[in-house]
Amino acid sequence: MAAGHTVALFDAACEVLSACGVEINMTRKILLPLIRTSIDNLKTQPPDRALTGTYARADASTAQKHLMFLKEQVRSETVEIYIDLALRSVELALRAGGNGQQLAKIRDLILMAKADPGVLK
């Protein structure tokens, strides 16, 4: 799962960046350093501590913007991948001691988006 699906996840991330207007050949240059940093973090920290970004910060506003953009701009299969990983990221952030109230708000947004694709519009 970790090795084979990493490539599939990378492809989905490239799709999202492309939907943001980034040329497809630039997506690798943008994403590979981020992935390297995540791998470096995992070398020295457990997953809950290695988590970075929107969910680690419990940034509900940014999470909502991401969900809204994805629902409007990318294939539903890619949105499903994002939603499932977002739920896992909320779990990791909670394990790391993140802001429970904000993370609950994010989880509610994700679950609403999962249940009804039109709810975030």
Protein backbone atom coordinates (compact mmCIF):
# COMPACT_ATOMS: atom_id res chain seq x y z
CA MET A 1 0.00 0.00 0.00
CA ALA A 2 2.68 2.51 0.99
CA ALA A 3 4.84 1.99 -2.08
CA GLY A 4 2.42 1.24 -4.89
CA HIS A 5 -0.30 3.64 -3.88
CA THR A 6 2.19 6.46 -3.36
CA VAL A 7 2.46 6.71 -7.13
CA ALA A 8 -1.34 6.79 -7.49
CA LEU A 9 -1.57 9.46 -4.79
CA PHE A 10 1.13 11.48 -6.55
CA ASP A 11 -0.88 11.27 -9.78
CA ALA A 12 -4.01 12.51 -7.98
CA ALA A 13 -2.05 15.41 -6.48
CA CYS A 14 -0.76 16.30 -9.95
CA GLU A 15 -4.36 16.32 -11.18
CA VAL A 16 -5.35 18.76 -8.44
CA LEU A 17 -2.43 21.10 -9.16
CA SER A 18 -3.24 20.96 -12.84
CA ALA A 19 -6.83 21.98 -12.01
CA CYS A 20 -5.31 24.97 -10.19
CA GLY A 21 -3.69 26.03 -13.44
CA VAL A 22 -0.22 24.58 -12.91
CA GLU A 23 1.29 23.10 -16.07
CA ILE A 24 1.45 19.33 -15.74
CA ASN A 25 5.23 19.23 -16.24
CA MET A 26 5.65 21.64 -13.30
CA THR A 27 3.59 19.57 -10.86
CA ARG A 28 6.48 17.15 -10.27
CA LYS A 29 8.87 20.00 -9.51
CA ILE A 30 6.41 21.38 -6.97
CA LEU A 31 5.37 18.12 -5.31
CA LEU A 32 8.60 16.14 -5.08
CA PRO A 33 10.27 18.47 -2.52
CA LEU A 34 7.12 18.31 -0.38
CA ILE A 35 7.13 14.52 -0.51
CA ARG A 36 10.84 14.43 0.36
CA THR A 37 10.18 16.60 3.41
CA SER A 38 7.37 14.28 4.52
CA ILE A 39 9.62 11.24 4.14
CA ASP A 40 12.38 12.99 6.09
CA ASN A 41 9.88 13.80 8.84
CA LEU A 42 8.79 10.15 8.96
CA LYS A 43 12.39 9.03 9.40
CA THR A 44 12.53 10.69 12.81
CA GLN A 45 8.91 11.03 13.94
CA PRO A 46 5.76 8.91 14.16
CA PRO A 47 3.04 9.74 11.61
CA ASP A 48 0.99 11.88 14.00
CA ARG A 49 4.02 14.10 14.65
CA ALA A 50 5.20 14.08 11.02
CA LEU A 51 1.86 15.43 9.76
CA THR A 52 2.07 18.97 8.39
CA GLY A 53 -0.29 21.35 6.65
CA THR A 54 -3.93 22.22 6.96
CA TYR A 55 -4.93 19.32 9.21
CA ALA A 56 -1.92 19.54 11.50
CA ARG A 57 -2.77 23.22 12.01
CA ALA A 58 -6.49 22.41 12.43
CA ASP A 59 -7.22 25.12 9.84
CA ALA A 60 -10.94 24.66 9.22
CA SER A 61 -11.22 27.62 6.87
CA THR A 62 -8.54 26.31 4.53
CA ALA A 63 -9.94 22.76 4.70
CA GLN A 64 -13.34 24.09 3.63
CA LYS A 65 -11.78 26.04 0.74
CA HIS A 66 -9.92 22.91 -0.39
CA LEU A 67 -13.09 20.83 -0.31
CA MET A 68 -15.08 23.45 -2.21
CA PHE A 69 -12.42 23.79 -4.90
CA LEU A 70 -12.03 20.06 -5.31
CA LYS A 71 -15.77 19.48 -5.59
CA GLU A 72 -15.94 22.04 -8.40
CA GLN A 73 -12.72 21.37 -10.31
CA VAL A 74 -11.59 17.73 -10.20
CA ARG A 75 -13.01 14.29 -10.91
CA SER A 76 -15.21 12.75 -8.23
CA GLU A 77 -12.74 9.85 -7.83
CA THR A 78 -10.01 12.32 -6.88
CA VAL A 79 -12.34 14.05 -4.42
CA GLU A 80 -13.04 10.68 -2.80
CA ILE A 81 -9.31 10.05 -2.39
CA TYR A 82 -8.88 13.48 -0.80
CA ILE A 83 -11.83 12.99 1.55
CA ASP A 84 -10.65 9.59 2.77
CA LEU A 85 -7.12 10.87 3.36
CA ALA A 86 -8.45 14.02 5.02
CA LEU A 87 -10.37 11.93 7.55
CA ARG A 88 -7.20 9.98 8.31
CA SER A 89 -5.27 13.25 8.67
CA VAL A 90 -7.85 14.51 11.19
CA GLU A 91 -7.29 11.32 13.20
CA LEU A 92 -3.52 11.86 13.10
CA ALA A 93 -3.88 15.49 14.16
CA LEU A 94 -6.08 14.47 17.09
CA ARG A 95 -3.51 11.86 18.15
CA ALA A 96 -0.86 14.57 18.06
CA GLY A 97 -2.93 16.71 20.45
CA GLY A 98 -4.33 19.14 17.89
CA ASN A 99 -7.22 21.50 18.59
CA GLY A 100 -10.08 19.08 19.15
CA GLN A 101 -12.82 21.63 18.57
CA GLN A 102 -11.40 22.80 15.24
CA LEU A 103 -10.62 19.26 14.13
CA ALA A 104 -14.19 18.21 14.94
CA LYS A 105 -15.40 21.08 12.77
CA ILE A 106 -13.14 19.90 9.95
CA ARG A 107 -14.34 16.31 10.35
CA ASP A 108 -17.95 17.50 10.13
CA LEU A 109 -17.16 19.39 6.90
CA ILE A 110 -15.48 16.32 5.43
CA LEU A 111 -18.35 14.02 6.40
CA MET A 112 -20.88 16.45 4.91
CA ALA A 113 -18.86 16.58 1.69
CA LYS A 114 -18.67 12.79 1.62
CA ALA A 115 -22.41 12.38 2.15
CA ASP A 116 -23.59 15.13 -0.22
CA PRO A 117 -21.28 16.47 -2.92
CA GLY A 118 -23.37 19.65 -3.34
CA VAL A 119 -23.39 20.64 0.33
CA LEU A 120 -20.25 22.83 0.20
CA LYS A 121 -21.38 25.07 -2.64
